[in-house]
Structures are given as C-alpha cells and as structure tokens.
Protein backbone atom coordinates (compact mmCIF):
# COMPACT_ATOMS: atom_id res chain seq x y z
CA UNK A 1 87.75 196.46 -189.34
CA UNK A 2 88.40 194.31 -192.38
CA UNK A 3 85.65 192.24 -193.92
CA UNK A 4 86.02 188.71 -195.21
CA UNK A 5 85.56 190.07 -198.74
CA UNK A 6 88.61 192.32 -198.24
CA UNK A 7 90.92 189.95 -196.41
CA UNK A 8 90.51 186.52 -197.98
CA UNK A 9 91.24 187.38 -201.64
CA UNK A 10 94.41 189.16 -200.58
CA UNK A 11 95.55 186.10 -198.65
CA UNK A 12 94.76 183.78 -201.53
CA UNK A 13 96.72 185.91 -203.99
CA UNK A 14 99.69 186.14 -201.62
CA UNK A 15 99.99 182.39 -201.21
CA UNK A 16 99.57 181.75 -204.93
CA UNK A 17 101.85 184.56 -206.10
CA UNK A 18 104.99 182.40 -206.25
CA UNK A 19 104.69 178.99 -207.90
CA UNK A 20 107.57 177.81 -205.74
CA UNK A 21 105.22 177.95 -202.75
CA UNK A 22 103.20 175.05 -204.12
CA UNK A 23 104.44 172.22 -201.92
CA UNK A 24 102.48 169.47 -203.67
CA UNK A 25 99.37 168.57 -205.64
CA UNK A 26 98.08 165.01 -205.70
CA UNK A 27 95.01 162.79 -206.12
CA UNK A 28 96.57 159.82 -204.29
CA UNK A 29 95.61 159.31 -200.64
CA UNK A 30 98.93 157.80 -199.59
CA UNK A 31 100.97 160.54 -201.27
CA UNK A 32 98.80 163.29 -199.73
CA UNK A 33 99.10 161.75 -196.28
CA UNK A 34 102.88 161.50 -196.59
CA UNK A 35 103.27 165.06 -197.86
CA UNK A 36 101.09 166.54 -195.10
CA UNK A 37 102.84 164.37 -192.51
CA UNK A 38 106.18 165.77 -193.63
CA UNK A 39 104.87 169.31 -193.12
CA UNK A 40 103.24 168.57 -189.76
CA UNK A 41 103.50 165.10 -188.19
CA UNK A 42 102.51 161.47 -188.90
CA UNK A 43 98.74 161.04 -188.74
CA UNK A 44 95.83 158.95 -189.93
CA UNK A 45 93.98 160.22 -193.01
CA UNK A 46 90.73 158.60 -194.13
CA UNK A 47 88.15 159.32 -196.82
CA UNK A 48 85.25 157.57 -198.53
CA UNK A 49 86.12 155.36 -201.47
CA UNK A 50 85.98 157.13 -204.84
CA UNK A 51 85.52 160.50 -203.14
CA UNK A 52 87.51 162.37 -205.79
CA UNK A 53 90.51 163.54 -203.78
CA UNK A 54 92.28 166.54 -205.36
CA UNK A 55 94.65 167.92 -202.73
CA UNK A 56 97.15 170.73 -202.94
CA UNK A 57 99.22 172.62 -200.43
CA UNK A 58 101.10 175.92 -200.56
CA UNK A 59 103.70 176.66 -197.89
CA UNK A 60 105.87 179.56 -196.78
CA UNK A 61 108.46 179.39 -194.01
CA UNK A 62 108.93 182.28 -191.58
CA UNK A 63 111.50 180.63 -189.34
CA UNK A 64 109.64 178.87 -186.53
CA UNK A 65 106.32 179.89 -188.09
CA UNK A 66 105.01 178.11 -191.20
CA UNK A 67 102.23 179.80 -193.18
CA UNK A 68 100.38 177.12 -195.15
CA UNK A 69 97.27 176.72 -197.28
CA UNK A 70 95.77 173.25 -197.70
CA UNK A 71 92.75 171.85 -199.51
CA UNK A 72 91.91 168.15 -199.85
CA UNK A 73 89.06 168.47 -202.34
CA UNK A 74 87.07 165.71 -200.60
CA UNK A 75 85.57 165.00 -197.19
CA UNK A 76 88.40 163.65 -195.04
CA UNK A 77 89.00 162.60 -191.45
CA UNK A 78 92.35 163.49 -189.90
CA UNK A 79 93.66 162.03 -186.67
CA UNK A 80 97.07 163.33 -185.53
CA UNK A 81 96.40 162.42 -181.86
CA UNK A 82 98.65 165.07 -180.19
CA UNK A 83 100.48 167.83 -182.04
CA UNK A 84 103.30 167.58 -179.47
CA UNK A 85 105.82 170.11 -180.79
CA UNK A 86 103.70 172.90 -182.28
CA UNK A 87 100.57 175.03 -182.04
CA UNK A 88 98.22 174.98 -185.02
CA UNK A 89 95.92 177.81 -186.08
CA UNK A 90 93.35 176.82 -188.73
CA UNK A 91 91.43 179.51 -190.65
CA UNK A 92 89.01 178.29 -193.34
CA UNK A 93 88.64 180.57 -196.35
CA UNK A 94 85.60 178.49 -197.27
CA UNK A 95 84.03 175.23 -196.16
CA UNK A 96 84.22 174.02 -192.59
CA UNK A 97 86.03 171.69 -190.21
CA UNK A 98 84.67 169.85 -187.17
CA UNK A 99 87.42 169.53 -184.59
CA UNK A 100 87.42 167.31 -181.50
CA UNK A 101 89.74 168.21 -178.62
CA UNK A 102 89.15 165.37 -176.21
CA UNK A 103 85.50 165.82 -175.18
CA UNK A 104 85.25 169.37 -176.60
CA UNK A 105 84.21 170.17 -180.18
CA UNK A 106 84.79 173.23 -182.37
CA UNK A 107 82.89 174.11 -185.53
CA UNK A 108 85.49 175.96 -187.60
CA UNK A 109 84.40 178.09 -190.58
CA UNK A 110 85.22 181.27 -192.51
CA UNK A 111 84.54 183.38 -189.43
CA UNK A 112 85.74 181.15 -186.60
CA UNK A 113 89.29 179.80 -186.54
CA UNK A 114 90.66 177.13 -184.23
CA UNK A 115 93.77 177.41 -182.06
CA UNK A 116 95.01 173.93 -181.20
CA UNK A 117 97.47 173.20 -178.39
CA UNK A 118 100.33 170.67 -178.49
CA UNK A 119 99.18 168.63 -175.48
CA UNK A 120 95.51 168.05 -176.46
CA UNK A 121 94.15 164.86 -178.06
CA UNK A 122 92.94 165.89 -181.49
CA UNK A 123 90.89 164.61 -184.42
CA UNK A 124 89.25 166.51 -187.30
CA UNK A 125 86.79 166.22 -190.16
CA UNK A 126 87.16 168.61 -193.11
CA UNK A 127 84.40 169.21 -195.64
CA UNK A 128 85.21 168.60 -199.28
CA UNK A 129 85.19 172.33 -200.06
CA UNK A 130 87.29 173.27 -197.04
CA UNK A 131 90.14 175.57 -198.09
CA UNK A 132 92.30 176.13 -195.02
CA UNK A 133 94.89 178.74 -194.12
CA UNK A 134 97.13 177.58 -191.30
CA UNK A 135 99.91 178.76 -189.07
CA UNK A 136 102.14 176.05 -187.65
CA UNK A 137 104.03 177.73 -184.80
CA UNK A 138 106.75 175.83 -182.97
CA UNK A 139 105.96 175.29 -179.31
CA UNK A 140 109.44 176.44 -178.32
CA UNK A 141 108.94 179.84 -180.00
CA UNK A 142 105.59 180.52 -178.31
CA UNK A 143 106.70 179.42 -174.85
CA UNK A 144 109.96 181.38 -175.12
CA UNK A 145 108.09 184.57 -176.12
CA UNK A 146 105.62 184.12 -173.26
CA UNK A 147 108.42 183.54 -170.75
CA UNK A 148 110.21 186.64 -171.99
CA UNK A 149 107.10 188.75 -171.47
CA UNK A 150 106.57 187.29 -168.00
CA UNK A 151 110.23 187.64 -167.07
CA UNK A 152 110.31 184.06 -165.73
CA UNK A 153 110.19 180.43 -166.95
CA UNK A 154 106.84 178.75 -167.58
CA UNK A 155 106.03 176.13 -164.97
CA UNK A 156 102.99 174.66 -166.74
CA UNK A 157 102.16 174.11 -170.43
CA UNK A 158 100.88 177.19 -172.25
CA UNK A 159 97.32 176.49 -173.40
CA UNK A 160 95.19 178.77 -175.61
CA UNK A 161 91.42 179.13 -175.77
CA UNK A 162 90.39 177.21 -178.92
CA UNK A 163 88.12 179.74 -180.69
CA UNK A 164 89.52 182.74 -182.57
CA UNK A 165 87.33 185.19 -184.53
CA UNK A 166 90.12 185.59 -187.01
CA UNK A 167 88.60 188.10 -189.41
CA UNK A 168 86.67 190.11 -186.80
CA UNK A 169 89.60 190.77 -184.46
CA UNK A 170 91.29 193.96 -185.75
CA UNK A 171 94.75 193.11 -184.42
CA UNK A 172 94.76 189.65 -186.02
CA UNK A 173 93.09 190.66 -189.30
CA UNK A 174 95.43 193.64 -189.80
CA UNK A 175 98.42 191.46 -189.00
CA UNK A 176 97.24 188.98 -191.63
CA UNK A 177 96.63 191.76 -194.15
CA UNK A 178 100.08 193.28 -193.57
CA UNK A 179 101.76 189.88 -193.87
CA UNK A 180 99.98 188.83 -197.03
CA UNK A 181 100.33 192.20 -198.79
CA UNK A 182 104.05 192.23 -198.02
CA UNK A 183 104.47 188.74 -199.45
CA UNK A 184 102.39 189.61 -202.50
CA UNK A 185 104.18 192.86 -203.29
CA UNK A 186 107.65 191.70 -202.23
CA UNK A 187 107.85 187.90 -202.53
CA UNK A 188 111.55 187.87 -201.64
CA UNK A 189 110.94 189.51 -198.25
CA UNK A 190 110.67 186.18 -196.43
CA UNK A 191 114.11 185.21 -197.74
CA UNK A 192 115.75 188.06 -195.80
CA UNK A 193 116.80 186.77 -192.37
CA UNK A 194 116.00 189.93 -190.39
CA UNK A 195 112.61 190.38 -192.06
CA UNK A 196 111.77 186.71 -191.60
CA UNK A 197 112.59 186.94 -187.89
CA UNK A 198 110.46 190.07 -187.50
CA UNK A 199 107.51 188.40 -189.23
CA UNK A 200 107.87 185.33 -187.03
CA UNK A 201 107.85 187.51 -183.90
CA UNK A 202 104.88 189.48 -185.22
CA UNK A 203 102.74 186.34 -185.58
CA UNK A 204 103.79 184.86 -182.22
CA UNK A 205 103.39 188.06 -180.22
CA UNK A 206 100.06 188.92 -181.84
CA UNK A 207 98.75 185.48 -180.90
CA UNK A 208 99.91 185.89 -177.29
CA UNK A 209 98.41 189.38 -177.09
CA UNK A 210 94.93 188.77 -178.52
CA UNK A 211 94.11 185.11 -177.80
CA UNK A 212 93.24 184.20 -174.17
CA UNK A 213 95.57 181.58 -172.71
CA UNK A 214 96.63 180.07 -169.43
CA UNK A 215 99.08 182.92 -168.70
CA UNK A 216 96.93 185.83 -169.92
CA UNK A 217 95.93 187.01 -166.44
CA UNK A 218 99.51 186.98 -165.24
CA UNK A 219 100.75 188.80 -168.35
CA UNK A 220 98.11 191.51 -167.86
CA UNK A 221 98.99 192.15 -164.22
CA UNK A 222 100.84 195.39 -163.46
CA UNK A 223 104.58 194.79 -163.37
CA UNK A 224 105.60 193.71 -159.93
CA UNK A 225 108.68 194.87 -158.11
CA UNK A 226 111.66 192.78 -159.12
CA UNK A 227 111.95 189.53 -157.21
CA UNK A 228 114.14 189.72 -154.10
CA UNK A 229 117.77 188.87 -154.54
CA UNK A 230 117.39 185.74 -152.41
CA UNK A 231 114.84 184.29 -154.88
CA UNK A 232 117.21 184.85 -157.81
CA UNK A 233 120.12 183.45 -155.82
CA UNK A 234 118.23 180.25 -155.06
CA UNK A 235 117.13 179.93 -158.71
CA UNK A 236 120.74 180.25 -159.87
CA UNK A 237 121.88 177.72 -157.29
CA UNK A 238 119.20 175.22 -158.27
CA UNK A 239 120.11 175.56 -161.95
CA UNK A 240 123.77 174.74 -161.31
CA UNK A 241 123.25 172.13 -158.55
CA UNK A 242 120.11 170.35 -159.75
CA UNK A 243 121.90 166.99 -159.71
CA UNK A 244 122.52 167.28 -155.98
CA UNK A 245 120.19 166.35 -153.12
CA UNK A 246 118.67 169.71 -152.14
CA UNK A 247 116.25 170.40 -149.28
CA UNK A 248 114.12 173.44 -148.40
CA UNK A 249 116.29 173.96 -145.32
CA UNK A 250 119.50 174.04 -147.35
CA UNK A 251 118.03 176.48 -149.85
CA UNK A 252 116.68 178.75 -147.11
CA UNK A 253 120.08 178.74 -145.40
CA UNK A 254 121.77 179.61 -148.70
CA UNK A 255 119.29 182.46 -149.18
CA UNK A 256 119.77 183.75 -145.65
CA UNK A 257 116.04 183.70 -144.91
CA UNK A 258 113.59 181.41 -143.16
CA UNK A 259 111.93 178.56 -145.04
CA UNK A 260 108.62 180.40 -144.69
CA UNK A 261 110.07 183.58 -146.23
CA UNK A 262 111.70 181.58 -149.03
CA UNK A 263 108.43 179.89 -149.95
CA UNK A 264 106.53 183.19 -149.72
CA UNK A 265 109.04 184.85 -152.06
CA UNK A 266 108.72 182.09 -154.66
CA UNK A 267 104.92 182.14 -154.34
CA UNK A 268 104.63 185.92 -154.72
CA UNK A 269 107.16 186.42 -157.51
CA UNK A 270 107.34 183.06 -159.31
CA UNK A 271 103.88 181.55 -158.61
CA UNK A 272 105.55 178.28 -157.63
CA UNK A 273 107.63 176.78 -154.83
CA UNK A 274 111.41 176.29 -154.72
CA UNK A 275 111.03 172.50 -154.76
CA UNK A 276 108.61 172.59 -157.69
CA UNK A 277 111.09 174.85 -159.50
CA UNK A 278 113.77 172.24 -158.81
CA UNK A 279 111.51 169.49 -160.16
CA UNK A 280 110.88 171.44 -163.38
CA UNK A 281 114.61 172.03 -163.86
CA UNK A 282 115.26 168.30 -163.42
CA UNK A 283 112.51 167.40 -165.89
CA UNK A 284 114.12 169.72 -168.43
CA UNK A 285 117.49 168.08 -167.76
CA UNK A 286 115.97 164.64 -168.43
CA UNK A 287 114.44 165.91 -171.68
CA UNK A 288 117.78 167.36 -172.79
CA UNK A 289 119.43 164.01 -172.07
CA UNK A 290 116.82 162.06 -174.02
CA UNK A 291 117.14 164.43 -177.00
CA UNK A 292 120.87 163.83 -177.38
CA UNK A 293 121.29 161.43 -180.30
CA UNK A 294 124.75 160.45 -179.12
CA UNK A 295 123.31 159.28 -175.80
CA UNK A 296 121.90 155.74 -175.72
CA UNK A 297 120.64 156.05 -172.16
CA UNK A 298 117.24 154.54 -171.41
CA UNK A 299 114.31 156.61 -170.14
CA UNK A 300 114.52 154.90 -166.75
CA UNK A 301 118.25 155.57 -166.37
CA UNK A 302 117.82 159.19 -167.47
CA UNK A 303 115.04 159.71 -164.91
CA UNK A 304 117.00 158.03 -162.12
CA UNK A 305 120.09 160.11 -162.88
CA UNK A 306 118.06 163.26 -162.11
CA UNK A 307 116.46 161.97 -158.94
CA UNK A 308 113.13 160.59 -160.20
CA UNK A 309 112.49 157.23 -158.56
CA UNK A 310 108.76 156.74 -159.15
CA UNK A 311 108.54 156.03 -162.89
CA UNK A 312 104.75 156.32 -163.15
CA UNK A 313 104.66 159.72 -161.45
CA UNK A 314 107.69 160.86 -163.43
CA UNK A 315 106.04 159.91 -166.75
CA UNK A 316 102.82 161.76 -165.86
CA UNK A 317 104.71 164.92 -164.82
CA UNK A 318 106.87 164.75 -167.94
CA UNK A 319 103.87 164.43 -170.26
CA UNK A 320 101.99 167.21 -168.46
CA UNK A 321 105.00 169.53 -168.82
CA UNK A 322 106.15 168.72 -172.37
CA UNK A 323 103.02 167.32 -174.01
CA UNK A 324 104.59 163.98 -174.90
CA UNK A 325 105.76 160.82 -173.16
CA UNK A 326 109.48 160.51 -172.35
CA UNK A 327 109.60 157.45 -174.60
CA UNK A 328 108.30 159.62 -177.48
CA UNK A 329 111.14 162.11 -176.90
CA UNK A 330 113.66 159.27 -176.92
CA UNK A 331 112.18 157.75 -180.10
CA UNK A 332 112.09 161.12 -181.90
CA UNK A 333 115.75 161.79 -181.11
CA UNK A 334 116.75 158.50 -182.75
CA UNK A 335 114.99 159.17 -186.07
C-alpha cells in the first residue's frame, strides 16, 4: 500500500511537469471565479475582504476525464448548487474542505476524498492552505460504463457514496501512481488518442469498481442467464414506437406472453417494468429534443409531443432522471 509521503509528491510533480498545464494564476476574485467556472460550471465564490487570494490551477484533459489541481490561497466558500453534468472527486494534498450535500456534511482532508454526484445540492468551504487534486468525470461517461457492465440501460441516476479513502485504497492509489508517473515520465502520452482513451477508461472503471454506488449490488451479482427473447423484442419495439400509444396488453400480445409473464420478465432481468421502461425512453427523447439547438420548441410542447400531460410530474421525473430541470437543458442548449 502506498503512503501519503510516497503518493502526493509524485502527483504534485506530474501536474507541474509541463508549464502548459498551468491553466491560470490570479489574485483577483472575479477572474478566479470566471476561470474556475469555465473549467467546471458557473458558481458563487466568496471570501473575506483582504484575505490575500493567490489562486492557481493546473489542468490536464483525458477525454471525458479532467485531472485538475486547484489552490485558492485563502479561505473561500463555493456554491455551485448542482453539478448537473459531471461527477467530481476532490482529494486534498494538504488543508481541508467542509462539504455540504443537502443535509449531509463531509470533512475532506489528505486522507479522505469526496465523491460528489451530479444531482445533489452542493456547497463547500475550503481552508486557505487547501491544495486540491480533482477529477471531473462527465456524467455520460460514468453512466455509459456502468450500463455496459450491467448489460442494460440505467433506470435511475447513478449515485456514489461520498467518502473515499483515496490514499489507503490500493486500487485507487496505484491507479493514481501509474497515471501520474506516466504523465511525469512521458508528458506527451495524454496527447495520443488511444492512450488518452485508455486512461479515461482506467479512471472511470476504477471508480465504479472500488467506490460503493447505487448499482454496486447489481454489478456484483453473478451473471444471470440472458434475458428472454420476448423481453428484448419488447424493448426494441418500445425504442422504435415510443411516440405511439402503447399499453401493457399490446406489448404482451407482441411478445406472445401473458401480461403477468411480461412484467415478471422485466422485473427479473431489467429490474423495472415495461411501462417504466417506456417512460424512461420518452424522457430521453424529450431531453434529446431540448438539446437540439436548431429546435425552438418549448419545454411544454416537447413534453406533450412525447405523451407527458402532467407538467409538474413530468418535471419531477425529468429532474430525478437527469439531475437538472428541463428548462435548464433548454437554456444550456441555447448558449
């Protein structure tokens, strides 16, 4: 097992090895907030007057994973509300961060990292000496990797346990050591597409393997027999006919089984129901519509076009599934 004395200096050297990885350095609050917002998302950043801000950030892109190091040089409060489109892993090299996730709090230090989910309300306080290593991992990449391992789509948001003993866990610490030594000894490695993709997958799959999450139990179950052909047939039919009015009776008739057998098959092999699967497909169709910049359709019209008639219920289901309001998706697509 690697000690903090062994791991942290290696990481620091790797991120400082190439001057081009210095994203910014500034003593101006507004400039720091704008630079960090560009790397993550718009947020509120506060500090005491005359606190001596001296911020700098190094950054390295590994495709849908960003490996960053950030220090503010003063006590700051950060309020991004919801991360929305990415997971954030924060690993202090020194100092500490107090993190609020709704009603829960995490004390993050050189031994304990935080794993923050896209859908959680979030605010943070960093100490003036906090020197933070961070992985920003796109939500799409994590959910796609999890779905691939499960062999089926995710029907609920993927949520990780917030505490990670980042230097004590051998899988995570050795992954970090391999990554940082590679970047230190071969700085151009991340510029090679195939290597960059492999490093991205290494970080994502290590996180899914070692950090408990809402699909861990299902991923650790022995592989089940492949789903019956009638389940796959109904899934394919729903995907291509989601705009039509479908009923359990119609789907059971298409499958050539009883409604009871159809529901049992979806429950046993997909952990959902055929109608819930249909609802998730339609929600995804609405999201795809709202993300199209060429489309000027309103949220209400997009929802109605995919069969959602109760706007309040639709908005709650959409936010629970995607971690943001439909209006936020629409607004983001128009930027």
